[in-house]
Amino acid sequence: NARRSFDEGERARVEGRSAEAQAAYDDAIRKASASFRKDPSGSWADD
């Protein structure tokens, strides 16, 4: 889900939808942070 939000942010940035891009990046940050905190030593932590 974090990757999906990040991809949405990239699409919005390229299309000039700045506010939507910022919101999608924020969502990606929340989800990627949550993913890392769940297993900071796991095999997907680097991703």
All heavy atoms as atom14 arrays in JSON, in Angstrom:
{
  "sequence": "NARRSFDEGERARVEGRSAEAQAAYDDAIRKASASFRKDPSGSWADD",
  "atom14_mask": [
    [1, 1, 1, 1, 1, 1, 1, 1, 0, 0, 0, 0, 0, 0],
    [1, 1, 1, 1, 1, 0, 0, 0, 0, 0, 0, 0, 0, 0],
    [1, 1, 1, 1, 1, 1, 1, 1, 1, 1, 1, 0, 0, 0],
    [1, 1, 1, 1, 1, 1, 1, 1, 1, 1, 1, 0, 0, 0],
    [1, 1, 1, 1, 1, 1, 0, 0, 0, 0, 0, 0, 0, 0],
    [1, 1, 1, 1, 1, 1, 1, 1, 1, 1, 1, 0, 0, 0],
    [1, 1, 1, 1, 1, 1, 1, 1, 0, 0, 0, 0, 0, 0],
    [1, 1, 1, 1, 1, 1, 1, 1, 1, 0, 0, 0, 0, 0],
    [1, 1, 1, 1, 0, 0, 0, 0, 0, 0, 0, 0, 0, 0],
    [1, 1, 1, 1, 1, 1, 1, 1, 1, 0, 0, 0, 0, 0],
    [1, 1, 1, 1, 1, 1, 1, 1, 1, 1, 1, 0, 0, 0],
    [1, 1, 1, 1, 1, 0, 0, 0, 0, 0, 0, 0, 0, 0],
    [1, 1, 1, 1, 1, 1, 1, 1, 1, 1, 1, 0, 0, 0],
    [1, 1, 1, 1, 1, 1, 1, 0, 0, 0, 0, 0, 0, 0],
    [1, 1, 1, 1, 1, 1, 1, 1, 1, 0, 0, 0, 0, 0],
    [1, 1, 1, 1, 0, 0, 0, 0, 0, 0, 0, 0, 0, 0],
    [1, 1, 1, 1, 1, 1, 1, 1, 1, 1, 1, 0, 0, 0],
    [1, 1, 1, 1, 1, 1, 0, 0, 0, 0, 0, 0, 0, 0],
    [1, 1, 1, 1, 1, 0, 0, 0, 0, 0, 0, 0, 0, 0],
    [1, 1, 1, 1, 1, 1, 1, 1, 1, 0, 0, 0, 0, 0],
    [1, 1, 1, 1, 1, 0, 0, 0, 0, 0, 0, 0, 0, 0],
    [1, 1, 1, 1, 1, 1, 1, 1, 1, 0, 0, 0, 0, 0],
    [1, 1, 1, 1, 1, 0, 0, 0, 0, 0, 0, 0, 0, 0],
    [1, 1, 1, 1, 1, 0, 0, 0, 0, 0, 0, 0, 0, 0],
    [1, 1, 1, 1, 1, 1, 1, 1, 1, 1, 1, 1, 0, 0],
    [1, 1, 1, 1, 1, 1, 1, 1, 0, 0, 0, 0, 0, 0],
    [1, 1, 1, 1, 1, 1, 1, 1, 0, 0, 0, 0, 0, 0],
    [1, 1, 1, 1, 1, 0, 0, 0, 0, 0, 0, 0, 0, 0],
    [1, 1, 1, 1, 1, 1, 1, 1, 0, 0, 0, 0, 0, 0],
    [1, 1, 1, 1, 1, 1, 1, 1, 1, 1, 1, 0, 0, 0],
    [1, 1, 1, 1, 1, 1, 1, 1, 1, 0, 0, 0, 0, 0],
    [1, 1, 1, 1, 1, 0, 0, 0, 0, 0, 0, 0, 0, 0],
    [1, 1, 1, 1, 1, 1, 0, 0, 0, 0, 0, 0, 0, 0],
    [1, 1, 1, 1, 1, 0, 0, 0, 0, 0, 0, 0, 0, 0],
    [1, 1, 1, 1, 1, 1, 0, 0, 0, 0, 0, 0, 0, 0],
    [1, 1, 1, 1, 1, 1, 1, 1, 1, 1, 1, 0, 0, 0],
    [1, 1, 1, 1, 1, 1, 1, 1, 1, 1, 1, 0, 0, 0],
    [1, 1, 1, 1, 1, 1, 1, 1, 1, 0, 0, 0, 0, 0],
    [1, 1, 1, 1, 1, 1, 1, 1, 0, 0, 0, 0, 0, 0],
    [1, 1, 1, 1, 1, 1, 1, 0, 0, 0, 0, 0, 0, 0],
    [1, 1, 1, 1, 1, 1, 0, 0, 0, 0, 0, 0, 0, 0],
    [1, 1, 1, 1, 0, 0, 0, 0, 0, 0, 0, 0, 0, 0],
    [1, 1, 1, 1, 1, 1, 0, 0, 0, 0, 0, 0, 0, 0],
    [1, 1, 1, 1, 1, 1, 1, 1, 1, 1, 1, 1, 1, 1],
    [1, 1, 1, 1, 1, 0, 0, 0, 0, 0, 0, 0, 0, 0],
    [1, 1, 1, 1, 1, 1, 1, 1, 0, 0, 0, 0, 0, 0],
    [1, 1, 1, 1, 1, 1, 1, 1, 0, 0, 0, 0, 0, 0]
  ],
  "atom14_positions": [
    [[0.83, -1.21, 0.0], [0.0, 0.0, 0.0], [0.86, 1.26, 0.0], [0.5, 2.27, -0.61], [-0.93, 0.0, 1.21], [-2.04, -1.02, 1.07], [-2.43, -1.38, -0.04], [-2.54, -1.52, 2.19], [0.0, 0.0, 0.0], [0.0, 0.0, 0.0], [0.0, 0.0, 0.0], [0.0, 0.0, 0.0], [0.0, 0.0, 0.0], [0.0, 0.0, 0.0]],
    [[1.99, 1.21, 0.68], [2.91, 2.35, 0.68], [3.44, 2.59, -0.73], [3.54, 3.74, -1.18], [4.07, 2.11, 1.65], [0.0, 0.0, 0.0], [0.0, 0.0, 0.0], [0.0, 0.0, 0.0], [0.0, 0.0, 0.0], [0.0, 0.0, 0.0], [0.0, 0.0, 0.0], [0.0, 0.0, 0.0], [0.0, 0.0, 0.0], [0.0, 0.0, 0.0]],
    [[3.79, 1.5, -1.44], [4.27, 1.65, -2.81], [3.19, 2.24, -3.72], [3.47, 3.08, -4.57], [4.71, 0.28, -3.35], [6.06, -0.17, -2.82], [6.38, -1.56, -3.29], [7.69, -2.0, -2.8], [8.03, -3.28, -2.65], [7.15, -4.23, -2.92], [9.24, -3.58, -2.21], [0.0, 0.0, 0.0], [0.0, 0.0, 0.0], [0.0, 0.0, 0.0]],
    [[1.97, 1.79, -3.53], [0.87, 2.33, -4.34], [0.7, 3.82, -4.11], [0.53, 4.59, -5.06], [-0.44, 1.59, -4.01], [-0.56, 0.21, -4.6], [-1.94, -0.36, -4.42], [-2.96, 0.5, -5.03], [-4.27, 0.27, -4.94], [-4.72, -0.75, -4.23], [-5.12, 1.07, -5.53], [0.0, 0.0, 0.0], [0.0, 0.0, 0.0], [0.0, 0.0, 0.0]],
    [[0.75, 4.23, -2.86], [0.61, 5.67, -2.56], [1.76, 6.46, -3.17], [1.56, 7.55, -3.72], [0.57, 5.89, -1.04], [-0.59, 5.33, -0.49], [0.0, 0.0, 0.0], [0.0, 0.0, 0.0], [0.0, 0.0, 0.0], [0.0, 0.0, 0.0], [0.0, 0.0, 0.0], [0.0, 0.0, 0.0], [0.0, 0.0, 0.0], [0.0, 0.0, 0.0]],
    [[2.97, 5.9, -3.08], [4.12, 6.59, -3.66], [3.97, 6.72, -5.17], [4.22, 7.8, -5.75], [5.42, 5.85, -3.34], [6.63, 6.45, -3.99], [7.21, 7.6, -3.48], [7.16, 5.89, -5.15], [8.32, 8.17, -4.1], [8.26, 6.45, -5.78], [8.84, 7.59, -5.25], [0.0, 0.0, 0.0], [0.0, 0.0, 0.0], [0.0, 0.0, 0.0]],
    [[3.53, 5.66, -5.84], [3.32, 5.71, -7.29], [2.26, 6.75, -7.67], [2.39, 7.46, -8.67], [2.92, 4.33, -7.82], [4.07, 3.33, -7.77], [5.23, 3.78, -7.66], [3.8, 2.11, -7.82], [0.0, 0.0, 0.0], [0.0, 0.0, 0.0], [0.0, 0.0, 0.0], [0.0, 0.0, 0.0], [0.0, 0.0, 0.0], [0.0, 0.0, 0.0]],
    [[1.22, 6.83, -6.84], [0.19, 7.85, -7.08], [0.78, 9.24, -6.95], [0.45, 10.15, -7.72], [-0.96, 7.67, -6.1], [-1.83, 6.43, -6.37], [-2.83, 6.18, -5.25], [-2.94, 7.04, -4.34], [-3.48, 5.12, -5.27], [0.0, 0.0, 0.0], [0.0, 0.0, 0.0], [0.0, 0.0, 0.0], [0.0, 0.0, 0.0], [0.0, 0.0, 0.0]],
    [[1.66, 9.43, -5.98], [2.32, 10.72, -5.81], [3.18, 11.07, -7.0], [3.19, 12.23, -7.46], [0.0, 0.0, 0.0], [0.0, 0.0, 0.0], [0.0, 0.0, 0.0], [0.0, 0.0, 0.0], [0.0, 0.0, 0.0], [0.0, 0.0, 0.0], [0.0, 0.0, 0.0], [0.0, 0.0, 0.0], [0.0, 0.0, 0.0], [0.0, 0.0, 0.0]],
    [[3.92, 10.11, -7.53], [4.76, 10.35, -8.71], [3.92, 10.74, -9.92], [4.27, 11.66, -10.66], [5.59, 9.11, -9.02], [6.7, 8.84, -8.02], [7.84, 9.84, -8.13], [8.74, 9.63, -8.94], [7.79, 10.86, -7.41], [0.0, 0.0, 0.0], [0.0, 0.0, 0.0], [0.0, 0.0, 0.0], [0.0, 0.0, 0.0], [0.0, 0.0, 0.0]],
    [[2.81, 10.03, -10.13], [1.93, 10.36, -11.26], [1.37, 11.77, -11.11], [1.34, 12.56, -12.07], [0.78, 9.35, -11.37], [1.16, 8.05, -12.05], [-0.07, 7.24, -12.42], [-0.85, 6.88, -11.25], [-0.62, 5.78, -10.52], [0.36, 4.96, -10.85], [-1.37, 5.48, -9.48], [0.0, 0.0, 0.0], [0.0, 0.0, 0.0], [0.0, 0.0, 0.0]],
    [[0.93, 12.09, -9.91], [0.35, 13.43, -9.67], [1.42, 14.51, -9.87], [1.14, 15.57, -10.43], [-0.23, 13.51, -8.26], [0.0, 0.0, 0.0], [0.0, 0.0, 0.0], [0.0, 0.0, 0.0], [0.0, 0.0, 0.0], [0.0, 0.0, 0.0], [0.0, 0.0, 0.0], [0.0, 0.0, 0.0], [0.0, 0.0, 0.0], [0.0, 0.0, 0.0]],
    [[2.65, 14.25, -9.43], [3.72, 15.24, -9.61], [3.98, 15.5, -11.09], [4.07, 16.65, -11.52], [5.0, 14.75, -8.93], [6.2, 15.66, -9.13], [7.46, 15.06, -8.52], [7.86, 13.82, -9.17], [8.54, 13.76, -10.31], [8.89, 14.88, -10.94], [8.89, 12.59, -10.83], [0.0, 0.0, 0.0], [0.0, 0.0, 0.0], [0.0, 0.0, 0.0]],
    [[4.09, 14.44, -11.87], [4.37, 14.58, -13.3], [3.23, 15.29, -14.02], [3.45, 16.03, -14.98], [4.63, 13.19, -13.92], [4.69, 13.27, -15.44], [5.93, 12.61, -13.38], [0.0, 0.0, 0.0], [0.0, 0.0, 0.0], [0.0, 0.0, 0.0], [0.0, 0.0, 0.0], [0.0, 0.0, 0.0], [0.0, 0.0, 0.0], [0.0, 0.0, 0.0]],
    [[2.01, 15.1, -13.52], [0.84, 15.71, -14.15], [0.52, 17.09, -13.59], [-0.51, 17.69, -13.94], [-0.37, 14.78, -13.99], [-0.21, 13.47, -14.77], [-1.27, 12.45, -14.41], [-2.19, 12.79, -13.63], [-1.18, 11.31, -14.91], [0.0, 0.0, 0.0], [0.0, 0.0, 0.0], [0.0, 0.0, 0.0], [0.0, 0.0, 0.0], [0.0, 0.0, 0.0]],
    [[1.37, 17.6, -12.71], [1.18, 18.95, -12.2], [0.13, 19.09, -11.12], [-0.28, 20.2, -10.79], [0.0, 0.0, 0.0], [0.0, 0.0, 0.0], [0.0, 0.0, 0.0], [0.0, 0.0, 0.0], [0.0, 0.0, 0.0], [0.0, 0.0, 0.0], [0.0, 0.0, 0.0], [0.0, 0.0, 0.0], [0.0, 0.0, 0.0], [0.0, 0.0, 0.0]],
    [[-0.28, 17.98, -10.51], [-1.28, 18.04, -9.43], [-0.55, 18.04, -8.08], [-0.48, 17.03, -7.38], [-2.24, 16.86, -9.56], [-3.08, 16.88, -10.82], [-4.02, 15.69, -10.96], [-3.34, 14.48, -11.37], [-3.22, 13.38, -10.64], [-3.74, 13.34, -9.42], [-2.59, 12.31, -11.1], [0.0, 0.0, 0.0], [0.0, 0.0, 0.0], [0.0, 0.0, 0.0]],
    [[-0.01, 19.2, -7.75], [0.91, 19.3, -6.61], [0.27, 18.9, -5.29], [0.88, 18.15, -4.5], [1.45, 20.72, -6.5], [2.14, 21.08, -7.67], [0.0, 0.0, 0.0], [0.0, 0.0, 0.0], [0.0, 0.0, 0.0], [0.0, 0.0, 0.0], [0.0, 0.0, 0.0], [0.0, 0.0, 0.0], [0.0, 0.0, 0.0], [0.0, 0.0, 0.0]],
    [[-0.93, 19.39, -5.02], [-1.57, 19.09, -3.73], [-1.82, 17.59, -3.59], [-1.6, 17.0, -2.52], [-2.87, 19.88, -3.6], [0.0, 0.0, 0.0], [0.0, 0.0, 0.0], [0.0, 0.0, 0.0], [0.0, 0.0, 0.0], [0.0, 0.0, 0.0], [0.0, 0.0, 0.0], [0.0, 0.0, 0.0], [0.0, 0.0, 0.0], [0.0, 0.0, 0.0]],
    [[-2.28, 16.95, -4.66], [-2.53, 15.51, -4.62], [-1.23, 14.75, -4.46], [-1.17, 13.73, -3.76], [-3.25, 15.07, -5.9], [-4.65, 15.64, -6.03], [-5.28, 15.29, -7.37], [-5.19, 14.11, -7.78], [-5.84, 16.19, -8.01], [0.0, 0.0, 0.0], [0.0, 0.0, 0.0], [0.0, 0.0, 0.0], [0.0, 0.0, 0.0], [0.0, 0.0, 0.0]],
    [[-0.17, 15.23, -5.11], [1.13, 14.57, -4.99], [1.61, 14.62, -3.54], [2.06, 13.6, -2.99], [2.14, 15.24, -5.91], [0.0, 0.0, 0.0], [0.0, 0.0, 0.0], [0.0, 0.0, 0.0], [0.0, 0.0, 0.0], [0.0, 0.0, 0.0], [0.0, 0.0, 0.0], [0.0, 0.0, 0.0], [0.0, 0.0, 0.0], [0.0, 0.0, 0.0]],
    [[1.51, 15.78, -2.91], [1.97, 15.92, -1.53], [1.18, 15.01, -0.6], [1.75, 14.38, 0.3], [1.85, 17.37, -1.08], [2.71, 18.36, -1.87], [4.18, 18.0, -1.83], [4.75, 17.82, -0.76], [4.81, 17.91, -2.97], [0.0, 0.0, 0.0], [0.0, 0.0, 0.0], [0.0, 0.0, 0.0], [0.0, 0.0, 0.0], [0.0, 0.0, 0.0]],
    [[-0.13, 14.92, -0.82], [-0.97, 14.06, 0.03], [-0.59, 12.59, -0.15], [-0.53, 11.83, 0.82], [-2.44, 14.28, -0.31], [0.0, 0.0, 0.0], [0.0, 0.0, 0.0], [0.0, 0.0, 0.0], [0.0, 0.0, 0.0], [0.0, 0.0, 0.0], [0.0, 0.0, 0.0], [0.0, 0.0, 0.0], [0.0, 0.0, 0.0], [0.0, 0.0, 0.0]],
    [[-0.31, 12.19, -1.4], [0.06, 10.8, -1.65], [1.42, 10.47, -1.05], [1.63, 9.38, -0.49], [0.07, 10.54, -3.16], [0.0, 0.0, 0.0], [0.0, 0.0, 0.0], [0.0, 0.0, 0.0], [0.0, 0.0, 0.0], [0.0, 0.0, 0.0], [0.0, 0.0, 0.0], [0.0, 0.0, 0.0], [0.0, 0.0, 0.0], [0.0, 0.0, 0.0]],
    [[2.37, 11.39, -1.15], [3.68, 11.17, -0.52], [3.53, 11.04, 0.99], [4.18, 10.19, 1.62], [4.63, 12.32, -0.86], [5.11, 12.35, -2.29], [5.16, 13.55, -2.99], [5.52, 11.2, -2.94], [5.61, 13.6, -4.31], [5.97, 11.23, -4.26], [6.01, 12.44, -4.94], [6.46, 12.49, -6.23], [0.0, 0.0, 0.0], [0.0, 0.0, 0.0]],
    [[2.71, 11.9, 1.59], [2.48, 11.82, 3.04], [1.92, 10.45, 3.42], [2.32, 9.85, 4.43], [1.52, 12.92, 3.48], [2.19, 14.29, 3.54], [3.43, 14.34, 3.58], [1.45, 15.31, 3.53], [0.0, 0.0, 0.0], [0.0, 0.0, 0.0], [0.0, 0.0, 0.0], [0.0, 0.0, 0.0], [0.0, 0.0, 0.0], [0.0, 0.0, 0.0]],
    [[0.98, 9.96, 2.6], [0.39, 8.66, 2.87], [1.44, 7.55, 2.73], [1.48, 6.62, 3.54], [-0.77, 8.41, 1.91], [-1.63, 7.24, 2.33], [-2.02, 7.18, 3.52], [-1.9, 6.36, 1.48], [0.0, 0.0, 0.0], [0.0, 0.0, 0.0], [0.0, 0.0, 0.0], [0.0, 0.0, 0.0], [0.0, 0.0, 0.0], [0.0, 0.0, 0.0]],
    [[2.29, 7.66, 1.73], [3.36, 6.68, 1.54], [4.32, 6.69, 2.72], [4.79, 5.63, 3.18], [4.11, 6.96, 0.24], [0.0, 0.0, 0.0], [0.0, 0.0, 0.0], [0.0, 0.0, 0.0], [0.0, 0.0, 0.0], [0.0, 0.0, 0.0], [0.0, 0.0, 0.0], [0.0, 0.0, 0.0], [0.0, 0.0, 0.0], [0.0, 0.0, 0.0]],
    [[4.63, 7.88, 3.24], [5.52, 8.0, 4.4], [4.91, 7.31, 5.62], [5.59, 6.55, 6.33], [5.81, 9.48, 4.7], [6.72, 10.07, 3.62], [6.44, 9.65, 6.08], [6.84, 11.59, 3.66], [0.0, 0.0, 0.0], [0.0, 0.0, 0.0], [0.0, 0.0, 0.0], [0.0, 0.0, 0.0], [0.0, 0.0, 0.0], [0.0, 0.0, 0.0]],
    [[3.62, 7.54, 5.85], [2.95, 6.91, 7.0], [2.98, 5.39, 6.87], [3.31, 4.67, 7.83], [1.51, 7.4, 7.11], [1.35, 8.8, 7.67], [-0.09, 9.1, 8.02], [-0.95, 9.06, 6.84], [-1.18, 10.11, 6.06], [-0.6, 11.27, 6.32], [-1.98, 10.02, 5.02], [0.0, 0.0, 0.0], [0.0, 0.0, 0.0], [0.0, 0.0, 0.0]],
    [[2.67, 4.9, 5.7], [2.56, 3.44, 5.51], [3.93, 2.77, 5.49], [4.09, 1.67, 6.05], [1.78, 3.14, 4.23], [0.31, 3.5, 4.35], [-0.44, 3.38, 3.03], [-1.92, 3.71, 3.23], [-2.66, 3.75, 1.95], [0.0, 0.0, 0.0], [0.0, 0.0, 0.0], [0.0, 0.0, 0.0], [0.0, 0.0, 0.0], [0.0, 0.0, 0.0]],
    [[4.92, 3.4, 4.86], [6.26, 2.81, 4.85], [6.85, 2.82, 6.26], [7.52, 1.86, 6.67], [7.16, 3.58, 3.89], [0.0, 0.0, 0.0], [0.0, 0.0, 0.0], [0.0, 0.0, 0.0], [0.0, 0.0, 0.0], [0.0, 0.0, 0.0], [0.0, 0.0, 0.0], [0.0, 0.0, 0.0], [0.0, 0.0, 0.0], [0.0, 0.0, 0.0]],
    [[6.6, 3.9, 7.02], [7.09, 3.96, 8.4], [6.44, 2.87, 9.24], [7.13, 2.18, 10.04], [6.79, 5.33, 9.01], [7.45, 6.36, 8.31], [0.0, 0.0, 0.0], [0.0, 0.0, 0.0], [0.0, 0.0, 0.0], [0.0, 0.0, 0.0], [0.0, 0.0, 0.0], [0.0, 0.0, 0.0], [0.0, 0.0, 0.0], [0.0, 0.0, 0.0]],
    [[5.13, 2.68, 9.06], [4.43, 1.65, 9.82], [4.96, 0.27, 9.44], [5.14, -0.61, 10.31], [2.93, 1.74, 9.55], [0.0, 0.0, 0.0], [0.0, 0.0, 0.0], [0.0, 0.0, 0.0], [0.0, 0.0, 0.0], [0.0, 0.0, 0.0], [0.0, 0.0, 0.0], [0.0, 0.0, 0.0], [0.0, 0.0, 0.0], [0.0, 0.0, 0.0]],
    [[5.22, 0.06, 8.16], [5.75, -1.22, 7.7], [7.11, -1.5, 8.33], [7.38, -2.61, 8.79], [5.85, -1.21, 6.17], [6.43, -2.42, 5.71], [0.0, 0.0, 0.0], [0.0, 0.0, 0.0], [0.0, 0.0, 0.0], [0.0, 0.0, 0.0], [0.0, 0.0, 0.0], [0.0, 0.0, 0.0], [0.0, 0.0, 0.0], [0.0, 0.0, 0.0]],
    [[7.96, -0.49, 8.38], [9.28, -0.69, 8.97], [9.19, -0.96, 10.47], [9.89, -1.83, 11.01], [10.15, 0.55, 8.71], [11.5, 0.48, 9.34], [12.49, -0.35, 8.84], [11.79, 1.24, 10.48], [13.74, -0.42, 9.43], [13.03, 1.18, 11.07], [14.01, 0.35, 10.55], [0.0, 0.0, 0.0], [0.0, 0.0, 0.0], [0.0, 0.0, 0.0]],
    [[8.33, -0.23, 11.16], [8.22, -0.41, 12.61], [7.7, -1.79, 12.98], [8.04, -2.32, 14.05], [7.3, 0.67, 13.21], [7.93, 2.06, 13.28], [7.13, 2.97, 14.19], [5.77, 3.14, 13.72], [5.36, 4.08, 12.88], [6.25, 4.95, 12.4], [4.1, 4.16, 12.5], [0.0, 0.0, 0.0], [0.0, 0.0, 0.0], [0.0, 0.0, 0.0]],
    [[6.9, -2.41, 12.11], [6.35, -3.73, 12.42], [7.45, -4.79, 12.48], [7.36, -5.75, 13.24], [5.31, -4.12, 11.36], [3.98, -3.4, 11.54], [3.03, -3.74, 10.4], [1.75, -2.93, 10.5], [0.86, -3.15, 9.33], [0.0, 0.0, 0.0], [0.0, 0.0, 0.0], [0.0, 0.0, 0.0], [0.0, 0.0, 0.0], [0.0, 0.0, 0.0]],
    [[8.49, -4.61, 11.66], [9.57, -5.61, 11.66], [10.86, -4.94, 11.21], [11.32, -5.12, 10.07], [9.21, -6.76, 10.71], [10.16, -7.95, 10.87], [11.08, -7.86, 11.71], [10.0, -8.94, 10.14], [0.0, 0.0, 0.0], [0.0, 0.0, 0.0], [0.0, 0.0, 0.0], [0.0, 0.0, 0.0], [0.0, 0.0, 0.0], [0.0, 0.0, 0.0]],
    [[11.48, -4.14, 12.08], [12.67, -3.37, 11.69], [13.88, -4.21, 11.35], [14.83, -3.71, 10.76], [12.94, -2.5, 12.92], [12.27, -3.19, 14.05], [11.08, -3.89, 13.47], [0.0, 0.0, 0.0], [0.0, 0.0, 0.0], [0.0, 0.0, 0.0], [0.0, 0.0, 0.0], [0.0, 0.0, 0.0], [0.0, 0.0, 0.0], [0.0, 0.0, 0.0]],
    [[13.85, -5.49, 11.71], [14.98, -6.36, 11.38], [14.61, -7.41, 10.34], [15.38, -8.34, 10.09], [15.52, -7.04, 12.65], [14.49, -7.81, 13.26], [0.0, 0.0, 0.0], [0.0, 0.0, 0.0], [0.0, 0.0, 0.0], [0.0, 0.0, 0.0], [0.0, 0.0, 0.0], [0.0, 0.0, 0.0], [0.0, 0.0, 0.0], [0.0, 0.0, 0.0]],
    [[13.43, -7.27, 9.75], [12.96, -8.26, 8.79], [13.61, -8.13, 7.43], [14.36, -7.19, 7.15], [0.0, 0.0, 0.0], [0.0, 0.0, 0.0], [0.0, 0.0, 0.0], [0.0, 0.0, 0.0], [0.0, 0.0, 0.0], [0.0, 0.0, 0.0], [0.0, 0.0, 0.0], [0.0, 0.0, 0.0], [0.0, 0.0, 0.0], [0.0, 0.0, 0.0]],
    [[13.29, -9.09, 6.56], [13.94, -9.13, 5.24], [13.45, -8.03, 4.31], [14.09, -7.75, 3.29], [13.68, -10.5, 4.59], [12.28, -10.75, 4.47], [0.0, 0.0, 0.0], [0.0, 0.0, 0.0], [0.0, 0.0, 0.0], [0.0, 0.0, 0.0], [0.0, 0.0, 0.0], [0.0, 0.0, 0.0], [0.0, 0.0, 0.0], [0.0, 0.0, 0.0]],
    [[12.32, -7.39, 4.65], [11.78, -6.32, 3.8], [12.02, -4.93, 4.4], [11.56, -3.93, 3.85], [10.28, -6.51, 3.59], [9.95, -7.77, 2.84], [9.62, -8.98, 3.36], [9.95, -7.94, 1.42], [9.41, -9.91, 2.38], [9.6, -9.28, 1.17], [10.21, -7.1, 0.34], [9.5, -9.8, -0.12], [10.11, -7.6, -0.95], [9.77, -8.94, -1.18]],
    [[12.76, -4.88, 5.49], [12.97, -3.59, 6.16], [13.73, -2.62, 5.25], [13.46, -1.41, 5.25], [13.71, -3.78, 7.46], [0.0, 0.0, 0.0], [0.0, 0.0, 0.0], [0.0, 0.0, 0.0], [0.0, 0.0, 0.0], [0.0, 0.0, 0.0], [0.0, 0.0, 0.0], [0.0, 0.0, 0.0], [0.0, 0.0, 0.0], [0.0, 0.0, 0.0]],
    [[14.7, -3.15, 4.48], [15.47, -2.26, 3.6], [14.58, -1.67, 2.5], [14.73, -0.51, 2.13], [16.66, -3.0, 2.99], [16.28, -4.28, 2.27], [15.11, -4.71, 2.4], [17.15, -4.86, 1.59], [0.0, 0.0, 0.0], [0.0, 0.0, 0.0], [0.0, 0.0, 0.0], [0.0, 0.0, 0.0], [0.0, 0.0, 0.0], [0.0, 0.0, 0.0]],
    [[13.62, -2.48, 1.99], [12.69, -1.95, 0.99], [11.84, -0.83, 1.58], [11.58, 0.18, 0.92], [11.77, -3.08, 0.49], [12.51, -4.07, -0.38], [13.12, -4.99, 0.17], [12.5, -3.9, -1.62], [0.0, 0.0, 0.0], [0.0, 0.0, 0.0], [0.0, 0.0, 0.0], [0.0, 0.0, 0.0], [0.0, 0.0, 0.0], [0.0, 0.0, 0.0]]
  ]
}
